[in-house]
């Protein structure tokens, strides 16, 4: 009988499909607007670019620096200056019929005389180009104004004190909120912080430490205030009614801005806009913890999705 030799079959070896290497792209940025944002971007692996190369993302204020080339950048100053300037901002408020959301305003101090002012009331003289609460003076009459401003009054406006103003344990208090304008809409940050003045409020005393002293105040989280849940829906509506129409007039593809909006409330918990800061201080001053969390949420809500294409994580940002 013939022996049959069986040759074992060779195992088929599947060719492994080479895996695509993970992206090693390093994203670049430039930032002269916020020391906090600069640190956070570094923590997310962004590299600060020191040459003139185009960067992936920038927070670059051109006010005291030449422009930088960036794929994603600030909305141009020419579109932000009108809301940063107190007089042109008042014109925008009037245009949208939102005068009820700001204190009674006299946009041109040159048009005012003592017969138009009530000595029993308090007014605030404001430099129209001022920001961060600076160049704001409590006054009662024209002589008070002329004692402060020795020259022309062309660059000043006057606002009445908010009637029936809310006091925190007898002291004045205001609040800071943050808003992002970008090509996907208007976003209000749910957390903010309050300034609580340390001297008891007195309408008849024009001492700056009572009314507008940014150096002698305490800070606290806005969300910890007893009135937070009552005012936040109103803040959303005011920001929406004001900034959504304004955003429609701005070319903002791959452009954004973080605004600082200051509010004050009355005893009925009605908020009034004091001012909008087009380029607020986002450095290590004020309530640093709020700024850090807000900017971190800004990175996950806006920067990373724009630069890397990942899904946005809004954190405490809320579209209004």
C-alpha atoms as a PDB file:
ATOM      1  CA  UNK A   1       0.000   0.000   0.000  1.00  0.00           C
ATOM      2  CA  UNK A   2       1.384   3.317  -1.060  1.00  0.00           C
ATOM      3  CA  UNK A   3       2.120   5.727   1.797  1.00  0.00           C
ATOM      4  CA  UNK A   4       0.530   9.157   1.358  1.00  0.00           C
ATOM      5  CA  UNK A   5       2.436  12.104   2.765  1.00  0.00           C
ATOM      6  CA  UNK A   6       0.284  14.966   3.914  1.00  0.00           C
ATOM      7  CA  UNK A   7       1.969  18.337   3.736  1.00  0.00           C
ATOM      8  CA  UNK A   8       0.706  20.667   6.459  1.00  0.00           C
ATOM      9  CA  UNK A   9      -0.969  23.805   5.145  1.00  0.00           C
ATOM     10  CA  UNK A  10       0.818  27.019   5.739  1.00  0.00           C
ATOM     11  CA  UNK A  11      -0.934  29.425   7.991  1.00  0.00           C
ATOM     12  CA  UNK A  12      -2.162  32.482   6.209  1.00  0.00           C
ATOM     13  CA  UNK A  13      -0.629  35.514   7.741  1.00  0.00           C
ATOM     14  CA  UNK A  14      -2.843  38.535   7.599  1.00  0.00           C
ATOM     15  CA  UNK A  15      -1.096  41.650   6.696  1.00  0.00           C
ATOM     16  CA  UNK A  16      -1.549  44.214   9.408  1.00  0.00           C
ATOM     17  CA  UNK A  17      -2.941  47.493   8.210  1.00  0.00           C
ATOM     18  CA  UNK A  18      -0.587  50.101   9.523  1.00  0.00           C
ATOM     19  CA  UNK A  19      -2.255  52.413  11.983  1.00  0.00           C
ATOM     20  CA  UNK A  20      -2.288  56.058  11.210  1.00  0.00           C
ATOM     21  CA  UNK A  21       0.111  57.797  13.494  1.00  0.00           C
ATOM     22  CA  UNK A  22      -1.468  60.110  16.000  1.00  0.00           C
ATOM     23  CA  UNK A  23      -1.284  63.733  15.014  1.00  0.00           C
ATOM     24  CA  UNK A  24       1.789  65.381  16.404  1.00  0.00           C
ATOM     25  CA  UNK A  25       0.803  68.867  15.288  1.00  0.00           C
ATOM     26  CA  UNK A  26       1.619  71.513  17.822  1.00  0.00           C
ATOM     27  CA  UNK A  27      -0.827  74.401  17.767  1.00  0.00           C
ATOM     28  CA  UNK A  28       0.553  77.893  18.146  1.00  0.00           C
ATOM     29  CA  UNK A  29      -0.779  81.052  19.734  1.00  0.00           C
ATOM     30  CA  UNK A  30      -0.004  84.653  20.561  1.00  0.00           C
ATOM     31  CA  UNK A  31      -1.480  86.411  23.570  1.00  0.00           C
ATOM     32  CA  UNK A  32      -0.847  89.891  24.978  1.00  0.00           C
ATOM     33  CA  UNK A  33      -4.314  90.320  26.484  1.00  0.00           C
ATOM     34  CA  UNK A  34      -4.339  87.893  29.411  1.00  0.00           C
ATOM     35  CA  UNK A  35      -1.581  86.312  31.459  1.00  0.00           C
ATOM     36  CA  UNK A  36      -4.113  83.768  32.715  1.00  0.00           C
ATOM     37  CA  UNK A  37      -5.170  82.723  29.211  1.00  0.00           C
ATOM     38  CA  UNK A  38      -1.520  82.449  28.168  1.00  0.00           C
ATOM     39  CA  UNK A  39      -0.805  80.008  31.010  1.00  0.00           C
ATOM     40  CA  UNK A  40      -3.933  77.950  30.308  1.00  0.00           C
ATOM     41  CA  UNK A  41      -3.138  77.604  26.607  1.00  0.00           C
ATOM     42  CA  UNK A  42       0.309  76.338  27.555  1.00  0.00           C
ATOM     43  CA  UNK A  43      -1.324  73.751  29.832  1.00  0.00           C
ATOM     44  CA  UNK A  44      -3.357  72.514  26.841  1.00  0.00           C
ATOM     45  CA  UNK A  45      -0.194  71.983  24.788  1.00  0.00           C
ATOM     46  CA  UNK A  46      -0.271  75.173  22.751  1.00  0.00           C
ATOM     47  CA  UNK A  47       3.092  76.716  21.918  1.00  0.00           C
ATOM     48  CA  UNK A  48       3.585  80.468  22.122  1.00  0.00           C
ATOM     49  CA  UNK A  49       4.937  81.793  18.827  1.00  0.00           C
ATOM     50  CA  UNK A  50       7.552  84.534  19.123  1.00  0.00           C
ATOM     51  CA  UNK A  51       8.193  85.097  15.414  1.00  0.00           C
ATOM     52  CA  UNK A  52       5.978  86.718  12.784  1.00  0.00           C
ATOM     53  CA  UNK A  53       4.582  83.381  11.603  1.00  0.00           C
ATOM     54  CA  UNK A  54       0.839  82.980  11.357  1.00  0.00           C
ATOM     55  CA  UNK A  55      -0.546  81.338  14.509  1.00  0.00           C
ATOM     56  CA  UNK A  56      -3.554  79.100  15.007  1.00  0.00           C
ATOM     57  CA  UNK A  57      -5.120  81.256  17.717  1.00  0.00           C
ATOM     58  CA  UNK A  58      -4.506  84.690  19.184  1.00  0.00           C
ATOM     59  CA  UNK A  59      -5.751  86.940  21.945  1.00  0.00           C
ATOM     60  CA  UNK A  60      -3.840  89.914  20.649  1.00  0.00           C
ATOM     61  CA  UNK A  61      -4.866  93.487  21.423  1.00  0.00           C
ATOM     62  CA  UNK A  62      -3.536  95.817  18.732  1.00  0.00           C
ATOM     63  CA  UNK A  63      -3.970  98.984  20.831  1.00  0.00           C
ATOM     64  CA  UNK A  64      -0.310  99.103  21.880  1.00  0.00           C
ATOM     65  CA  UNK A  65       1.106  96.458  19.572  1.00  0.00           C
ATOM     66  CA  UNK A  66       1.259  95.773  15.809  1.00  0.00           C
ATOM     67  CA  UNK A  67      -1.212  93.305  14.405  1.00  0.00           C
ATOM     68  CA  UNK A  68      -0.328  89.620  14.282  1.00  0.00           C
ATOM     69  CA  UNK A  69      -1.297  87.061  11.686  1.00  0.00           C
ATOM     70  CA  UNK A  70      -3.693  84.498  13.119  1.00  0.00           C
ATOM     71  CA  UNK A  71      -6.293  82.013  11.865  1.00  0.00           C
ATOM     72  CA  UNK A  72      -8.579  82.833  14.809  1.00  0.00           C
ATOM     73  CA  UNK A  73      -8.391  86.271  16.357  1.00  0.00           C
ATOM     74  CA  UNK A  74     -10.151  89.183  18.073  1.00  0.00           C
ATOM     75  CA  UNK A  75     -12.967  90.989  16.314  1.00  0.00           C
ATOM     76  CA  UNK A  76     -11.454  94.171  14.915  1.00  0.00           C
ATOM     77  CA  UNK A  77     -11.295  97.096  17.327  1.00  0.00           C
ATOM     78  CA  UNK A  78     -13.295  99.323  14.977  1.00  0.00           C
ATOM     79  CA  UNK A  79     -16.341  97.151  15.718  1.00  0.00           C
ATOM     80  CA  UNK A  80     -15.738  96.946  19.474  1.00  0.00           C
ATOM     81  CA  UNK A  81     -14.883 100.610  20.113  1.00  0.00           C
ATOM     82  CA  UNK A  82     -18.505 101.806  19.634  1.00  0.00           C
ATOM     83  CA  UNK A  83     -19.694  99.736  22.616  1.00  0.00           C
ATOM     84  CA  UNK A  84     -16.537 100.522  24.594  1.00  0.00           C
ATOM     85  CA  UNK A  85     -17.132 104.274  24.184  1.00  0.00           C
ATOM     86  CA  UNK A  86     -19.803 105.394  26.660  1.00  0.00           C
ATOM     87  CA  UNK A  87     -21.438 107.974  24.380  1.00  0.00           C
ATOM     88  CA  UNK A  88     -21.657 105.823  21.254  1.00  0.00           C
ATOM     89  CA  UNK A  89     -22.784 102.930  23.470  1.00  0.00           C
ATOM     90  CA  UNK A  90     -25.646 105.134  24.676  1.00  0.00           C
ATOM     91  CA  UNK A  91     -26.563 105.784  21.025  1.00  0.00           C
ATOM     92  CA  UNK A  92     -26.697 102.009  20.432  1.00  0.00           C
ATOM     93  CA  UNK A  93     -28.880 101.572  23.520  1.00  0.00           C
ATOM     94  CA  UNK A  94     -31.281 104.192  22.133  1.00  0.00           C
ATOM     95  CA  UNK A  95     -31.230 102.618  18.686  1.00  0.00           C
ATOM     96  CA  UNK A  96     -32.411  99.310  20.151  1.00  0.00           C
ATOM     97  CA  UNK A  97     -34.909 100.968  22.523  1.00  0.00           C
ATOM     98  CA  UNK A  98     -33.194  99.644  25.644  1.00  0.00           C
ATOM     99  CA  UNK A  99     -32.894 102.875  27.674  1.00  0.00           C
ATOM    100  CA  UNK A 100     -34.736 101.193  30.544  1.00  0.00           C
ATOM    101  CA  UNK A 101     -31.694  98.984  31.080  1.00  0.00           C
ATOM    102  CA  UNK A 102     -29.259 101.806  31.891  1.00  0.00           C
ATOM    103  CA  UNK A 103     -29.360 104.718  34.363  1.00  0.00           C
ATOM    104  CA  UNK A 104     -30.844 107.995  33.086  1.00  0.00           C
ATOM    105  CA  UNK A 105     -28.110 109.450  30.886  1.00  0.00           C
ATOM    106  CA  UNK A 106     -27.179 112.923  29.665  1.00  0.00           C
ATOM    107  CA  UNK A 107     -24.838 112.157  26.745  1.00  0.00           C
ATOM    108  CA  UNK A 108     -23.427 115.683  26.353  1.00  0.00           C
ATOM    109  CA  UNK A 109     -22.416 117.506  29.526  1.00  0.00           C
ATOM    110  CA  UNK A 110     -22.071 120.757  27.553  1.00  0.00           C
ATOM    111  CA  UNK A 111     -25.861 120.739  27.126  1.00  0.00           C
ATOM    112  CA  UNK A 112     -26.536 120.598  30.898  1.00  0.00           C
ATOM    113  CA  UNK A 113     -27.145 123.423  33.357  1.00  0.00           C
ATOM    114  CA  UNK A 114     -28.009 123.496  37.062  1.00  0.00           C
ATOM    115  CA  UNK A 115     -31.713 123.919  36.400  1.00  0.00           C
ATOM    116  CA  UNK A 116     -31.700 120.419  34.863  1.00  0.00           C
ATOM    117  CA  UNK A 117     -30.134 118.808  37.942  1.00  0.00           C
ATOM    118  CA  UNK A 118     -31.791 117.933  41.240  1.00  0.00           C
ATOM    119  CA  UNK A 119     -29.526 118.765  44.180  1.00  0.00           C
ATOM    120  CA  UNK A 120     -31.186 115.944  46.137  1.00  0.00           C
ATOM    121  CA  UNK A 121     -29.942 113.394  43.629  1.00  0.00           C
ATOM    122  CA  UNK A 122     -26.513 112.002  42.932  1.00  0.00           C
ATOM    123  CA  UNK A 123     -24.953 111.946  39.458  1.00  0.00           C
ATOM    124  CA  UNK A 124     -21.847 110.352  38.006  1.00  0.00           C
ATOM    125  CA  UNK A 125     -19.589 112.245  35.651  1.00  0.00           C
ATOM    126  CA  UNK A 126     -17.932 109.770  33.277  1.00  0.00           C
ATOM    127  CA  UNK A 127     -15.101 110.129  30.806  1.00  0.00           C
ATOM    128  CA  UNK A 128     -16.448 108.497  27.629  1.00  0.00           C
ATOM    129  CA  UNK A 129     -13.170 106.700  26.879  1.00  0.00           C
ATOM    130  CA  UNK A 130     -12.696 105.438  30.443  1.00  0.00           C
ATOM    131  CA  UNK A 131     -12.862 101.765  31.373  1.00  0.00           C
ATOM    132  CA  UNK A 132     -12.641  99.539  34.413  1.00  0.00           C
ATOM    133  CA  UNK A 133     -14.507 102.032  36.594  1.00  0.00           C
ATOM    134  CA  UNK A 134     -11.808 104.666  36.138  1.00  0.00           C
ATOM    135  CA  UNK A 135     -12.537 108.363  35.503  1.00  0.00           C
ATOM    136  CA  UNK A 136     -15.982 108.169  37.157  1.00  0.00           C
ATOM    137  CA  UNK A 137     -16.794 110.938  39.656  1.00  0.00           C
ATOM    138  CA  UNK A 138     -19.813 111.493  41.952  1.00  0.00           C
ATOM    139  CA  UNK A 139     -21.269 115.015  41.548  1.00  0.00           C
ATOM    140  CA  UNK A 140     -24.391 116.965  42.445  1.00  0.00           C
ATOM    141  CA  UNK A 141     -24.169 120.197  40.471  1.00  0.00           C
ATOM    142  CA  UNK A 142     -22.261 121.958  37.695  1.00  0.00           C
ATOM    143  CA  UNK A 143     -19.754 123.495  40.101  1.00  0.00           C
ATOM    144  CA  UNK A 144     -18.787 119.955  41.191  1.00  0.00           C
ATOM    145  CA  UNK A 145     -18.230 119.090  37.541  1.00  0.00           C
ATOM    146  CA  UNK A 146     -16.070 122.151  36.866  1.00  0.00           C
ATOM    147  CA  UNK A 147     -14.016 121.436  39.971  1.00  0.00           C
ATOM    148  CA  UNK A 148     -13.138 118.048  38.479  1.00  0.00           C
ATOM    149  CA  UNK A 149     -12.715 118.997  34.817  1.00  0.00           C
ATOM    150  CA  UNK A 150     -10.874 122.264  34.312  1.00  0.00           C
ATOM    151  CA  UNK A 151     -11.008 122.179  30.532  1.00  0.00           C
ATOM    152  CA  UNK A 152     -13.610 121.309  27.888  1.00  0.00           C
ATOM    153  CA  UNK A 153     -16.374 118.860  28.757  1.00  0.00           C
ATOM    154  CA  UNK A 154     -16.674 117.414  25.251  1.00  0.00           C
ATOM    155  CA  UNK A 155     -15.533 113.933  26.283  1.00  0.00           C
ATOM    156  CA  UNK A 156     -17.814 113.507  29.300  1.00  0.00           C
ATOM    157  CA  UNK A 157     -21.358 112.344  29.916  1.00  0.00           C
ATOM    158  CA  UNK A 158     -23.515 112.315  33.043  1.00  0.00           C
ATOM    159  CA  UNK A 159     -25.618 109.536  34.526  1.00  0.00           C
ATOM    160  CA  UNK A 160     -28.061 109.612  37.411  1.00  0.00           C
ATOM    161  CA  UNK A 161     -27.655 107.306  40.343  1.00  0.00           C
ATOM    162  CA  UNK A 162     -29.793 104.174  40.050  1.00  0.00           C
ATOM    163  CA  UNK A 163     -32.997 104.855  42.006  1.00  0.00           C
ATOM    164  CA  UNK A 164     -33.631 102.749  45.096  1.00  0.00           C
ATOM    165  CA  UNK A 165     -30.188 101.185  44.772  1.00  0.00           C
ATOM    166  CA  UNK A 166     -29.512  97.827  46.406  1.00  0.00           C
ATOM    167  CA  UNK A 167     -26.970  97.997  49.244  1.00  0.00           C
ATOM    168  CA  UNK A 168     -24.917  95.121  50.626  1.00  0.00           C
ATOM    169  CA  UNK A 169     -24.931  95.554  54.401  1.00  0.00           C
ATOM    170  CA  UNK A 170     -25.238  99.305  53.872  1.00  0.00           C
ATOM    171  CA  UNK A 171     -22.492  99.510  51.225  1.00  0.00           C
ATOM    172  CA  UNK A 172     -22.594  99.947  47.468  1.00  0.00           C
ATOM    173  CA  UNK A 173     -22.099  96.851  45.330  1.00  0.00           C
ATOM    174  CA  UNK A 174     -21.702  96.252  41.592  1.00  0.00           C
ATOM    175  CA  UNK A 175     -21.029  93.131  39.540  1.00  0.00           C
ATOM    176  CA  UNK A 176     -18.848  91.978  36.654  1.00  0.00           C
ATOM    177  CA  UNK A 177     -20.082  89.493  34.054  1.00  0.00           C
ATOM    178  CA  UNK A 178     -18.421  88.110  30.931  1.00  0.00           C
ATOM    179  CA  UNK A 179     -19.852  87.690  27.451  1.00  0.00           C
ATOM    180  CA  UNK A 180     -18.327  86.145  24.333  1.00  0.00           C
ATOM    181  CA  UNK A 181     -19.304  87.378  20.879  1.00  0.00           C
ATOM    182  CA  UNK A 182     -18.340  85.003  18.072  1.00  0.00           C
ATOM    183  CA  UNK A 183     -19.581  83.600  14.768  1.00  0.00           C
ATOM    184  CA  UNK A 184     -21.838  81.094  16.541  1.00  0.00           C
ATOM    185  CA  UNK A 185     -23.625  83.686  18.691  1.00  0.00           C
ATOM    186  CA  UNK A 186     -23.633  85.464  22.053  1.00  0.00           C
ATOM    187  CA  UNK A 187     -22.630  83.548  25.186  1.00  0.00           C
ATOM    188  CA  UNK A 188     -23.025  84.736  28.782  1.00  0.00           C
ATOM    189  CA  UNK A 189     -20.945  83.145  31.531  1.00  0.00           C
ATOM    190  CA  UNK A 190     -23.092  81.909  34.407  1.00  0.00           C
ATOM    191  CA  UNK A 191     -20.562  82.897  37.045  1.00  0.00           C
ATOM    192  CA  UNK A 192     -19.377  86.428  37.723  1.00  0.00           C
ATOM    193  CA  UNK A 193     -18.180  88.361  40.716  1.00  0.00           C
ATOM    194  CA  UNK A 194     -19.346  91.271  42.818  1.00  0.00           C
ATOM    195  CA  UNK A 195     -17.466  94.306  44.071  1.00  0.00           C
ATOM    196  CA  UNK A 196     -18.500  95.190  47.614  1.00  0.00           C
ATOM    197  CA  UNK A 197     -17.395  98.620  48.808  1.00  0.00           C
ATOM    198  CA  UNK A 198     -16.059  98.860  52.332  1.00  0.00           C
ATOM    199  CA  UNK A 199     -17.403 102.295  53.348  1.00  0.00           C
ATOM    200  CA  UNK A 200     -21.109 102.725  54.257  1.00  0.00           C
ATOM    201  CA  UNK A 201     -23.113 104.370  51.493  1.00  0.00           C
ATOM    202  CA  UNK A 202     -24.017 108.045  51.874  1.00  0.00           C
ATOM    203  CA  UNK A 203     -25.581 109.894  48.947  1.00  0.00           C
ATOM    204  CA  UNK A 204     -24.665 113.296  50.386  1.00  0.00           C
ATOM    205  CA  UNK A 205     -20.979 112.459  50.778  1.00  0.00           C
ATOM    206  CA  UNK A 206     -19.016 112.698  47.525  1.00  0.00           C
ATOM    207  CA  UNK A 207     -16.065 110.716  48.889  1.00  0.00           C
ATOM    208  CA  UNK A 208     -14.767 108.450  46.107  1.00  0.00           C
ATOM    209  CA  UNK A 209     -14.192 105.615  48.587  1.00  0.00           C
ATOM    210  CA  UNK A 210     -17.965 105.398  49.040  1.00  0.00           C
ATOM    211  CA  UNK A 211     -18.960 105.504  45.389  1.00  0.00           C
ATOM    212  CA  UNK A 212     -16.120 104.401  43.123  1.00  0.00           C
ATOM    213  CA  UNK A 213     -12.999 103.159  44.857  1.00  0.00           C
ATOM    214  CA  UNK A 214     -11.669 100.113  43.026  1.00  0.00           C
ATOM    215  CA  UNK A 215      -8.811  99.797  45.509  1.00  0.00           C
ATOM    216  CA  UNK A 216     -10.882  99.392  48.688  1.00  0.00           C
ATOM    217  CA  UNK A 217     -13.383  96.687  47.850  1.00  0.00           C
ATOM    218  CA  UNK A 218     -14.051  93.052  48.635  1.00  0.00           C
ATOM    219  CA  UNK A 219     -14.800  90.421  45.991  1.00  0.00           C
ATOM    220  CA  UNK A 220     -17.234  87.542  46.109  1.00  0.00           C
ATOM    221  CA  UNK A 221     -18.778  85.052  43.674  1.00  0.00           C
ATOM    222  CA  UNK A 222     -21.931  86.362  42.019  1.00  0.00           C
ATOM    223  CA  UNK A 223     -23.593  82.953  42.317  1.00  0.00           C
ATOM    224  CA  UNK A 224     -23.288  83.107  46.117  1.00  0.00           C
ATOM    225  CA  UNK A 225     -25.436  86.239  46.369  1.00  0.00           C
ATOM    226  CA  UNK A 226     -28.993  85.792  47.618  1.00  0.00           C
ATOM    227  CA  UNK A 227     -30.403  87.551  44.543  1.00  0.00           C
ATOM    228  CA  UNK A 228     -28.506  85.519  41.915  1.00  0.00           C
ATOM    229  CA  UNK A 229     -31.428  83.354  40.732  1.00  0.00           C
ATOM    230  CA  UNK A 230     -33.657  86.430  40.472  1.00  0.00           C
ATOM    231  CA  UNK A 231     -31.313  88.488  38.344  1.00  0.00           C
ATOM    232  CA  UNK A 232     -29.618  85.929  36.094  1.00  0.00           C
ATOM    233  CA  UNK A 233     -32.587  85.468  33.695  1.00  0.00           C
ATOM    234  CA  UNK A 234     -32.733  89.264  33.400  1.00  0.00           C
ATOM    235  CA  UNK A 235     -29.007  89.431  32.612  1.00  0.00           C
ATOM    236  CA  UNK A 236     -29.552  86.859  29.870  1.00  0.00           C
ATOM    237  CA  UNK A 237     -32.363  88.886  28.321  1.00  0.00           C
ATOM    238  CA  UNK A 238     -30.483  92.194  28.460  1.00  0.00           C
ATOM    239  CA  UNK A 239     -27.372  90.686  26.883  1.00  0.00           C
ATOM    240  CA  UNK A 240     -29.436  88.957  24.209  1.00  0.00           C
ATOM    241  CA  UNK A 241     -31.545  92.023  23.337  1.00  0.00           C
ATOM    242  CA  UNK A 242     -28.466  94.226  23.111  1.00  0.00           C
ATOM    243  CA  UNK A 243     -25.690  92.070  21.696  1.00  0.00           C
ATOM    244  CA  UNK A 244     -27.455  89.733  19.265  1.00  0.00           C
ATOM    245  CA  UNK A 245     -28.611  92.628  17.051  1.00  0.00           C
ATOM    246  CA  UNK A 246     -25.198  94.260  17.367  1.00  0.00           C
ATOM    247  CA  UNK A 247     -23.395  91.020  16.455  1.00  0.00           C
ATOM    248  CA  UNK A 248     -25.365  90.858  13.195  1.00  0.00           C
ATOM    249  CA  UNK A 249     -23.627  94.079  12.096  1.00  0.00           C
ATOM    250  CA  UNK A 250     -20.131  92.645  12.681  1.00  0.00           C
ATOM    251  CA  UNK A 251     -18.111  90.435  10.304  1.00  0.00           C
ATOM    252  CA  UNK A 252     -16.858  87.804  12.727  1.00  0.00           C
ATOM    253  CA  UNK A 253     -16.017  84.555  10.928  1.00  0.00           C
ATOM    254  CA  UNK A 254     -13.244  82.913  12.995  1.00  0.00           C
ATOM    255  CA  UNK A 255     -13.228  86.041  15.165  1.00  0.00           C
ATOM    256  CA  UNK A 256     -14.384  86.594  18.735  1.00  0.00           C
ATOM    257  CA  UNK A 257     -14.224  88.981  21.681  1.00  0.00           C
ATOM    258  CA  UNK A 258     -14.631  88.558  25.422  1.00  0.00           C
ATOM    259  CA  UNK A 259     -16.515  91.521  26.893  1.00  0.00           C
ATOM    260  CA  UNK A 260     -16.681  92.561  30.537  1.00  0.00           C
ATOM    261  CA  UNK A 261     -20.136  93.942  31.410  1.00  0.00           C
ATOM    262  CA  UNK A 262     -20.714  95.781  34.683  1.00  0.00           C
ATOM    263  CA  UNK A 263     -24.180  95.819  36.245  1.00  0.00           C
ATOM    264  CA  UNK A 264     -25.770  97.371  39.309  1.00  0.00           C
ATOM    265  CA  UNK A 265     -29.168  96.409  40.767  1.00  0.00           C
ATOM    266  CA  UNK A 266     -31.946  98.149  42.659  1.00  0.00           C
ATOM    267  CA  UNK A 267     -33.910  96.859  45.642  1.00  0.00           C
ATOM    268  CA  UNK A 268     -36.368  95.156  43.288  1.00  0.00           C
ATOM    269  CA  UNK A 269     -33.449  93.185  41.785  1.00  0.00           C
ATOM    270  CA  UNK A 270     -33.632  94.989  38.475  1.00  0.00           C
ATOM    271  CA  UNK A 271     -30.196  95.119  36.775  1.00  0.00           C
ATOM    272  CA  UNK A 272     -28.856  98.221  35.037  1.00  0.00           C
ATOM    273  CA  UNK A 273     -25.826  98.261  32.751  1.00  0.00           C
ATOM    274  CA  UNK A 274     -23.128 100.570  34.065  1.00  0.00           C
ATOM    275  CA  UNK A 275     -20.699 100.027  31.197  1.00  0.00           C
ATOM    276  CA  UNK A 276     -19.290  97.515  28.750  1.00  0.00           C
ATOM    277  CA  UNK A 277     -15.540  96.983  28.653  1.00  0.00           C
ATOM    278  CA  UNK A 278     -14.457  95.915  25.184  1.00  0.00           C
ATOM    279  CA  UNK A 279     -11.069  94.758  26.422  1.00  0.00           C
ATOM    280  CA  UNK A 280     -11.499  93.968  30.129  1.00  0.00           C
ATOM    281  CA  UNK A 281      -8.601  93.199  32.433  1.00  0.00           C
ATOM    282  CA  UNK A 282      -8.136  89.428  32.181  1.00  0.00           C
ATOM    283  CA  UNK A 283      -4.929  89.392  34.159  1.00  0.00           C
ATOM    284  CA  UNK A 284      -4.311  88.393  37.758  1.00  0.00           C
ATOM    285  CA  UNK A 285      -6.370  91.128  39.375  1.00  0.00           C
ATOM    286  CA  UNK A 286      -9.906  91.189  40.718  1.00  0.00           C
ATOM    287  CA  UNK A 287     -11.502  87.808  41.368  1.00  0.00           C
ATOM    288  CA  UNK A 288      -8.785  85.623  39.815  1.00  0.00           C
ATOM    289  CA  UNK A 289     -10.584  82.303  40.411  1.00  0.00           C
ATOM    290  CA  UNK A 290     -13.608  83.423  38.362  1.00  0.00           C
ATOM    291  CA  UNK A 291     -11.365  84.565  35.525  1.00  0.00           C
ATOM    292  CA  UNK A 292      -9.404  81.308  35.501  1.00  0.00           C
ATOM    293  CA  UNK A 293     -12.508  79.114  35.357  1.00  0.00           C
ATOM    294  CA  UNK A 294     -14.168  81.374  32.776  1.00  0.00           C
ATOM    295  CA  UNK A 295     -11.106  81.302  30.485  1.00  0.00           C
ATOM    296  CA  UNK A 296     -10.663  77.558  30.904  1.00  0.00           C
ATOM    297  CA  UNK A 297     -14.285  77.037  29.861  1.00  0.00           C
ATOM    298  CA  UNK A 298     -13.685  79.464  26.974  1.00  0.00           C
ATOM    299  CA  UNK A 299     -10.856  77.242  25.727  1.00  0.00           C
ATOM    300  CA  UNK A 300     -13.012  74.087  25.757  1.00  0.00           C
ATOM    301  CA  UNK A 301     -16.093  75.898  24.424  1.00  0.00           C
ATOM    302  CA  UNK A 302     -14.449  77.902  21.634  1.00  0.00           C
ATOM    303  CA  UNK A 303     -10.685  77.611  21.177  1.00  0.00           C
ATOM    304  CA  UNK A 304     -10.199  73.820  21.018  1.00  0.00           C
ATOM    305  CA  UNK A 305     -13.240  73.179  18.759  1.00  0.00           C
ATOM    306  CA  UNK A 306     -12.135  75.941  16.404  1.00  0.00           C
ATOM    307  CA  UNK A 307      -8.498  74.878  16.258  1.00  0.00           C
ATOM    308  CA  UNK A 308      -8.690  71.072  16.529  1.00  0.00           C
ATOM    309  CA  UNK A 309     -12.247  70.333  15.385  1.00  0.00           C
ATOM    310  CA  UNK A 310     -13.234  68.597  18.638  1.00  0.00           C
ATOM    311  CA  UNK A 311     -16.712  68.795  20.129  1.00  0.00           C
ATOM    312  CA  UNK A 312     -17.374  71.931  22.220  1.00  0.00           C
ATOM    313  CA  UNK A 313     -17.656  71.608  25.985  1.00  0.00           C
ATOM    314  CA  UNK A 314     -19.489  74.714  27.127  1.00  0.00           C
ATOM    315  CA  UNK A 315     -18.846  74.480  30.858  1.00  0.00           C
ATOM    316  CA  UNK A 316     -20.714  77.447  32.338  1.00  0.00           C
ATOM    317  CA  UNK A 317     -21.053  79.323  29.048  1.00  0.00           C
ATOM    318  CA  UNK A 318     -24.696  79.756  28.046  1.00  0.00           C
ATOM    319  CA  UNK A 319     -25.919  80.881  24.639  1.00  0.00           C
ATOM    320  CA  UNK A 320     -28.419  83.745  24.945  1.00  0.00           C
END
